[in-house]
């Protein structure tokens, strides 16, 4: 077991997906109250849980793939701003010269990412 947290995108039993910082522990095959069907479970210390507790995660719902440059918290903020700006854009948006607020936010987020 390493004390270095892993950044994991996890989908819980309710279908909610979030990024978690986990200190990984043991792996076992079994069930829990939250995972009643037999699955691979990983015990992990959840640094993002309000109580910071050890708990079991369904290993099949863990996505460990993540670009290394996104581990920088300032990068996370820029990526979140970009995603938020894209979500706010109308579905039929297509114009390089558009100056509506969602487009301005998208262009600002892209410039911030380019500037590092």
Protein backbone atom coordinates (compact mmCIF):
# COMPACT_ATOMS: atom_id res chain seq x y z
CA UNK A 1 0.00 0.00 0.00
CA UNK A 2 1.27 3.47 -0.93
CA UNK A 3 0.54 6.71 0.92
CA UNK A 4 0.41 8.52 -2.42
CA UNK A 5 -3.21 9.18 -3.39
CA UNK A 6 -4.53 7.94 -6.72
CA UNK A 7 -6.88 10.19 -8.65
CA UNK A 8 -9.87 8.03 -9.57
CA UNK A 9 -13.04 8.84 -11.47
CA UNK A 10 -15.63 6.71 -9.64
CA UNK A 11 -19.26 5.94 -10.41
CA UNK A 12 -21.13 5.02 -7.22
CA UNK A 13 -24.12 2.74 -6.75
CA UNK A 14 -26.49 5.67 -7.49
CA UNK A 15 -24.82 6.27 -10.88
CA UNK A 16 -23.11 9.50 -9.73
CA UNK A 17 -19.61 9.99 -11.14
CA UNK A 18 -17.02 12.07 -9.27
CA UNK A 19 -13.27 12.28 -9.00
CA UNK A 20 -11.86 10.94 -5.75
CA UNK A 21 -8.43 11.05 -4.17
CA UNK A 22 -7.89 7.59 -2.74
CA UNK A 23 -5.09 5.89 -0.84
CA UNK A 24 -5.47 2.37 -2.17
CA UNK A 25 -5.54 -0.73 0.00
CA UNK A 26 -6.47 -4.37 -0.45
CA UNK A 27 -8.53 -5.93 -3.24
CA UNK A 28 -11.06 -8.71 -2.70
CA UNK A 29 -13.96 -10.37 -4.48
CA UNK A 30 -17.21 -10.10 -2.57
CA UNK A 31 -20.27 -8.03 -1.67
CA UNK A 32 -21.18 -5.15 0.63
CA UNK A 33 -24.38 -3.39 1.63
CA UNK A 34 -23.82 -0.97 -1.25
CA UNK A 35 -22.59 -3.62 -3.71
CA UNK A 36 -24.95 -6.60 -3.23
CA UNK A 37 -23.84 -8.38 -6.43
CA UNK A 38 -20.43 -10.09 -6.17
CA UNK A 39 -17.71 -7.86 -7.67
CA UNK A 40 -14.08 -6.91 -7.24
CA UNK A 41 -13.82 -4.45 -4.34
CA UNK A 42 -10.90 -2.25 -3.40
CA UNK A 43 -10.49 -0.86 0.10
CA UNK A 44 -9.32 2.75 -0.01
CA UNK A 45 -8.93 5.72 2.31
CA UNK A 46 -11.19 8.36 0.76
CA UNK A 47 -9.51 11.75 1.16
CA UNK A 48 -12.55 13.47 -0.36
CA UNK A 49 -15.16 11.95 1.97
CA UNK A 50 -16.19 14.48 4.66
CA UNK A 51 -15.18 12.00 7.39
CA UNK A 52 -12.03 10.83 5.52
CA UNK A 53 -12.71 7.14 6.05
CA UNK A 54 -11.64 3.73 4.77
CA UNK A 55 -14.34 2.24 2.56
CA UNK A 56 -14.76 -0.24 -0.26
CA UNK A 57 -15.17 0.79 -3.88
CA UNK A 58 -16.37 -1.39 -6.77
CA UNK A 59 -13.13 -1.75 -8.71
CA UNK A 60 -15.06 -2.17 -11.97
CA UNK A 61 -16.52 1.34 -11.46
CA UNK A 62 -13.09 2.96 -10.99
CA UNK A 63 -11.49 4.80 -13.90
CA UNK A 64 -7.78 5.22 -13.17
CA UNK A 65 -6.98 6.77 -16.58
CA UNK A 66 -6.25 10.43 -16.27
CA UNK A 67 -3.86 12.77 -18.02
CA UNK A 68 -0.94 13.59 -15.76
CA UNK A 69 -1.13 17.32 -16.52
CA UNK A 70 -4.68 17.42 -15.12
CA UNK A 71 -3.40 16.48 -11.66
CA UNK A 72 -2.37 20.11 -11.20
CA UNK A 73 -5.29 21.85 -9.38
CA UNK A 74 -4.93 24.97 -11.55
CA UNK A 75 -5.36 22.77 -14.62
CA UNK A 76 -8.47 21.23 -13.05
CA UNK A 77 -10.01 24.70 -12.65
CA UNK A 78 -9.30 25.56 -16.29
CA UNK A 79 -10.68 22.25 -17.53
CA UNK A 80 -13.81 22.72 -15.38
CA UNK A 81 -14.26 26.24 -16.79
CA UNK A 82 -13.95 24.86 -20.31
CA UNK A 83 -16.45 22.06 -19.67
CA UNK A 84 -18.89 24.48 -18.02
CA UNK A 85 -18.59 26.88 -20.96
CA UNK A 86 -19.23 24.12 -23.50
CA UNK A 87 -22.26 22.87 -21.54
CA UNK A 88 -23.73 26.39 -21.61
CA UNK A 89 -23.40 26.68 -25.39
CA UNK A 90 -26.50 26.20 -27.54
CA UNK A 91 -26.59 22.92 -29.47
CA UNK A 92 -26.63 24.71 -32.83
CA UNK A 93 -23.62 26.94 -32.11
CA UNK A 94 -21.34 27.29 -35.11
CA UNK A 95 -19.60 30.60 -35.65
CA UNK A 96 -16.04 31.80 -35.15
CA UNK A 97 -17.20 35.39 -34.77
CA UNK A 98 -19.96 34.76 -32.24
CA UNK A 99 -19.83 37.13 -29.26
CA UNK A 100 -22.57 35.65 -27.04
CA UNK A 101 -21.71 35.01 -23.38
CA UNK A 102 -21.26 31.21 -23.68
CA UNK A 103 -18.92 31.67 -26.65
CA UNK A 104 -16.96 34.37 -24.82
CA UNK A 105 -16.59 32.02 -21.83
CA UNK A 106 -15.42 29.20 -24.10
CA UNK A 107 -12.84 31.41 -25.83
CA UNK A 108 -11.61 32.74 -22.45
CA UNK A 109 -11.26 29.20 -21.07
CA UNK A 110 -9.37 28.06 -24.16
CA UNK A 111 -7.01 31.07 -23.96
CA UNK A 112 -6.32 30.35 -20.28
CA UNK A 113 -5.47 26.74 -21.08
CA UNK A 114 -3.16 27.77 -23.94
CA UNK A 115 -1.30 30.23 -21.70
CA UNK A 116 -0.56 27.47 -19.19
